[in-house]
């Protein structure tokens, strides 16, 4: 709010109501300066809007062969392909995938990505 040129009165009033449990005396003073004649103690506390409480990004744990190896930051509705692409772009996690074949990927949207690796790709005749 401090970056706004003008503050809407409704926003300032709700801010003062939110401030009142933490700083009741200054909130009461601000409430009267906003032109209210009654104490803010009799005003209803602002209701939370659930739409504003949702996270748009999620920290997704990544397991490789069943062991937690790191996390990636994804959007909420991220697909398995996008999540795996982010894993392969991550510096730490991509090193663990290099040169290994992927047997299976288990993705639980918004919860976890588990990559099961097969044996290393071995060139013919070299052990």
Protein backbone atom coordinates (compact mmCIF):
# COMPACT_ATOMS: atom_id res chain seq x y z
CA UNK A 1 0.00 0.00 0.00
CA UNK A 2 2.86 2.39 0.68
CA UNK A 3 3.59 2.56 -3.08
CA UNK A 4 0.06 3.71 -3.97
CA UNK A 5 -0.46 7.38 -4.79
CA UNK A 6 -3.89 7.47 -3.14
CA UNK A 7 -5.37 5.08 -0.61
CA UNK A 8 -9.02 4.08 -0.96
CA UNK A 9 -10.93 4.79 2.23
CA UNK A 10 -12.33 1.24 2.38
CA UNK A 11 -8.80 -0.22 2.34
CA UNK A 12 -7.59 2.13 5.08
CA UNK A 13 -10.60 1.36 7.27
CA UNK A 14 -10.06 -2.40 6.95
CA UNK A 15 -6.37 -1.92 7.70
CA UNK A 16 -7.22 -0.03 10.90
CA UNK A 17 -9.63 -2.80 11.90
CA UNK A 18 -6.88 -5.39 11.32
CA UNK A 19 -4.42 -3.29 13.30
CA UNK A 20 -6.72 -2.94 16.33
CA UNK A 21 -5.86 -6.26 18.10
CA UNK A 22 -2.14 -5.44 17.95
CA UNK A 23 -2.19 -1.70 18.64
CA UNK A 24 -5.63 -0.89 20.06
CA UNK A 25 -4.95 2.67 21.19
CA UNK A 26 -3.43 3.92 17.92
CA UNK A 27 -6.09 2.06 15.93
CA UNK A 28 -8.81 3.75 17.94
CA UNK A 29 -7.22 7.15 17.31
CA UNK A 30 -6.95 6.46 13.57
CA UNK A 31 -10.57 5.28 13.52
CA UNK A 32 -11.77 8.58 14.98
CA UNK A 33 -9.56 10.54 12.55
CA UNK A 34 -11.27 8.70 9.70
CA UNK A 35 -14.49 10.35 10.85
CA UNK A 36 -16.18 7.57 12.80
CA UNK A 37 -18.02 8.57 15.96
CA UNK A 38 -18.36 5.12 17.54
CA UNK A 39 -15.51 2.98 18.81
CA UNK A 40 -14.07 0.44 16.40
CA UNK A 41 -14.55 -2.20 19.09
CA UNK A 42 -18.16 -2.48 17.90
CA UNK A 43 -17.25 -2.92 14.23
CA UNK A 44 -17.19 -6.42 12.74
CA UNK A 45 -13.73 -7.82 12.00
CA UNK A 46 -13.01 -8.04 8.25
CA UNK A 47 -13.70 -11.40 6.60
CA UNK A 48 -10.91 -13.18 4.73
CA UNK A 49 -11.42 -13.80 1.02
CA UNK A 50 -10.39 -17.42 0.32
CA UNK A 51 -9.43 -16.54 -3.27
CA UNK A 52 -6.59 -14.37 -1.98
CA UNK A 53 -5.31 -17.06 0.37
CA UNK A 54 -4.41 -19.59 -2.34
CA UNK A 55 -0.77 -20.01 -3.25
CA UNK A 56 -0.06 -19.77 -6.96
CA UNK A 57 3.24 -21.64 -6.66
CA UNK A 58 4.08 -24.83 -4.78
CA UNK A 59 7.34 -26.29 -3.54
CA UNK A 60 7.39 -29.81 -4.97
CA UNK A 61 9.65 -32.43 -3.35
CA UNK A 62 11.63 -34.55 -5.81
CA UNK A 63 12.69 -38.09 -5.04
CA UNK A 64 15.16 -40.08 -7.10
CA UNK A 65 15.00 -43.83 -6.51
CA UNK A 66 12.87 -43.23 -3.43
CA UNK A 67 15.28 -40.81 -1.73
CA UNK A 68 14.51 -37.13 -1.28
CA UNK A 69 17.06 -35.28 -3.42
CA UNK A 70 15.68 -31.74 -3.63
CA UNK A 71 12.73 -29.50 -4.37
CA UNK A 72 11.51 -27.41 -7.28
CA UNK A 73 9.13 -24.45 -7.44
CA UNK A 74 6.13 -25.14 -9.71
CA UNK A 75 2.86 -23.48 -10.64
CA UNK A 76 -0.23 -24.93 -8.96
CA UNK A 77 -1.64 -26.76 -12.01
CA UNK A 78 1.71 -27.97 -13.34
CA UNK A 79 1.69 -31.11 -15.51
CA UNK A 80 4.05 -34.06 -15.09
CA UNK A 81 5.99 -33.08 -18.22
CA UNK A 82 6.51 -29.51 -17.02
CA UNK A 83 7.59 -30.69 -13.57
CA UNK A 84 10.08 -33.15 -15.05
CA UNK A 85 11.41 -30.45 -17.38
CA UNK A 86 12.07 -28.24 -14.35
CA UNK A 87 13.87 -31.13 -12.63
CA UNK A 88 16.10 -31.65 -15.65
CA UNK A 89 16.91 -27.91 -15.69
CA UNK A 90 17.83 -27.82 -11.99
CA UNK A 91 21.62 -27.92 -11.56
CA UNK A 92 21.67 -30.30 -8.59
CA UNK A 93 18.94 -32.68 -9.74
CA UNK A 94 20.04 -32.89 -13.38
CA UNK A 95 23.46 -34.21 -12.29
CA UNK A 96 21.73 -37.15 -10.62
CA UNK A 97 19.84 -37.96 -13.85
CA UNK A 98 22.77 -37.65 -16.30
CA UNK A 99 23.70 -40.86 -18.07
CA UNK A 100 20.94 -42.93 -16.48
CA UNK A 101 17.84 -44.34 -18.07
CA UNK A 102 14.50 -43.51 -16.53
CA UNK A 103 12.40 -46.57 -15.76
CA UNK A 104 9.39 -44.81 -14.33
CA UNK A 105 8.12 -41.41 -13.21
CA UNK A 106 5.54 -41.19 -10.47
CA UNK A 107 3.86 -37.80 -10.20
CA UNK A 108 1.22 -36.88 -7.66
CA UNK A 109 0.06 -33.40 -8.73
CA UNK A 110 1.00 -30.80 -6.15
CA UNK A 111 2.51 -33.40 -3.78
CA UNK A 112 5.63 -35.17 -5.10
CA UNK A 113 7.62 -36.29 -8.14
CA UNK A 114 9.49 -39.59 -7.88
CA UNK A 115 11.89 -40.66 -10.62
CA UNK A 116 12.94 -44.32 -10.74
CA UNK A 117 16.24 -44.76 -12.56
CA UNK A 118 17.56 -47.82 -14.32
CA UNK A 119 21.22 -48.81 -14.59
CA UNK A 120 23.74 -46.46 -16.19
CA UNK A 121 24.02 -46.52 -19.95
CA UNK A 122 27.17 -48.59 -20.49
CA UNK A 123 28.97 -48.53 -23.82
CA UNK A 124 29.42 -51.95 -25.45
CA UNK A 125 32.64 -53.68 -24.44
CA UNK A 126 33.48 -51.27 -21.62
CA UNK A 127 32.93 -52.26 -17.98
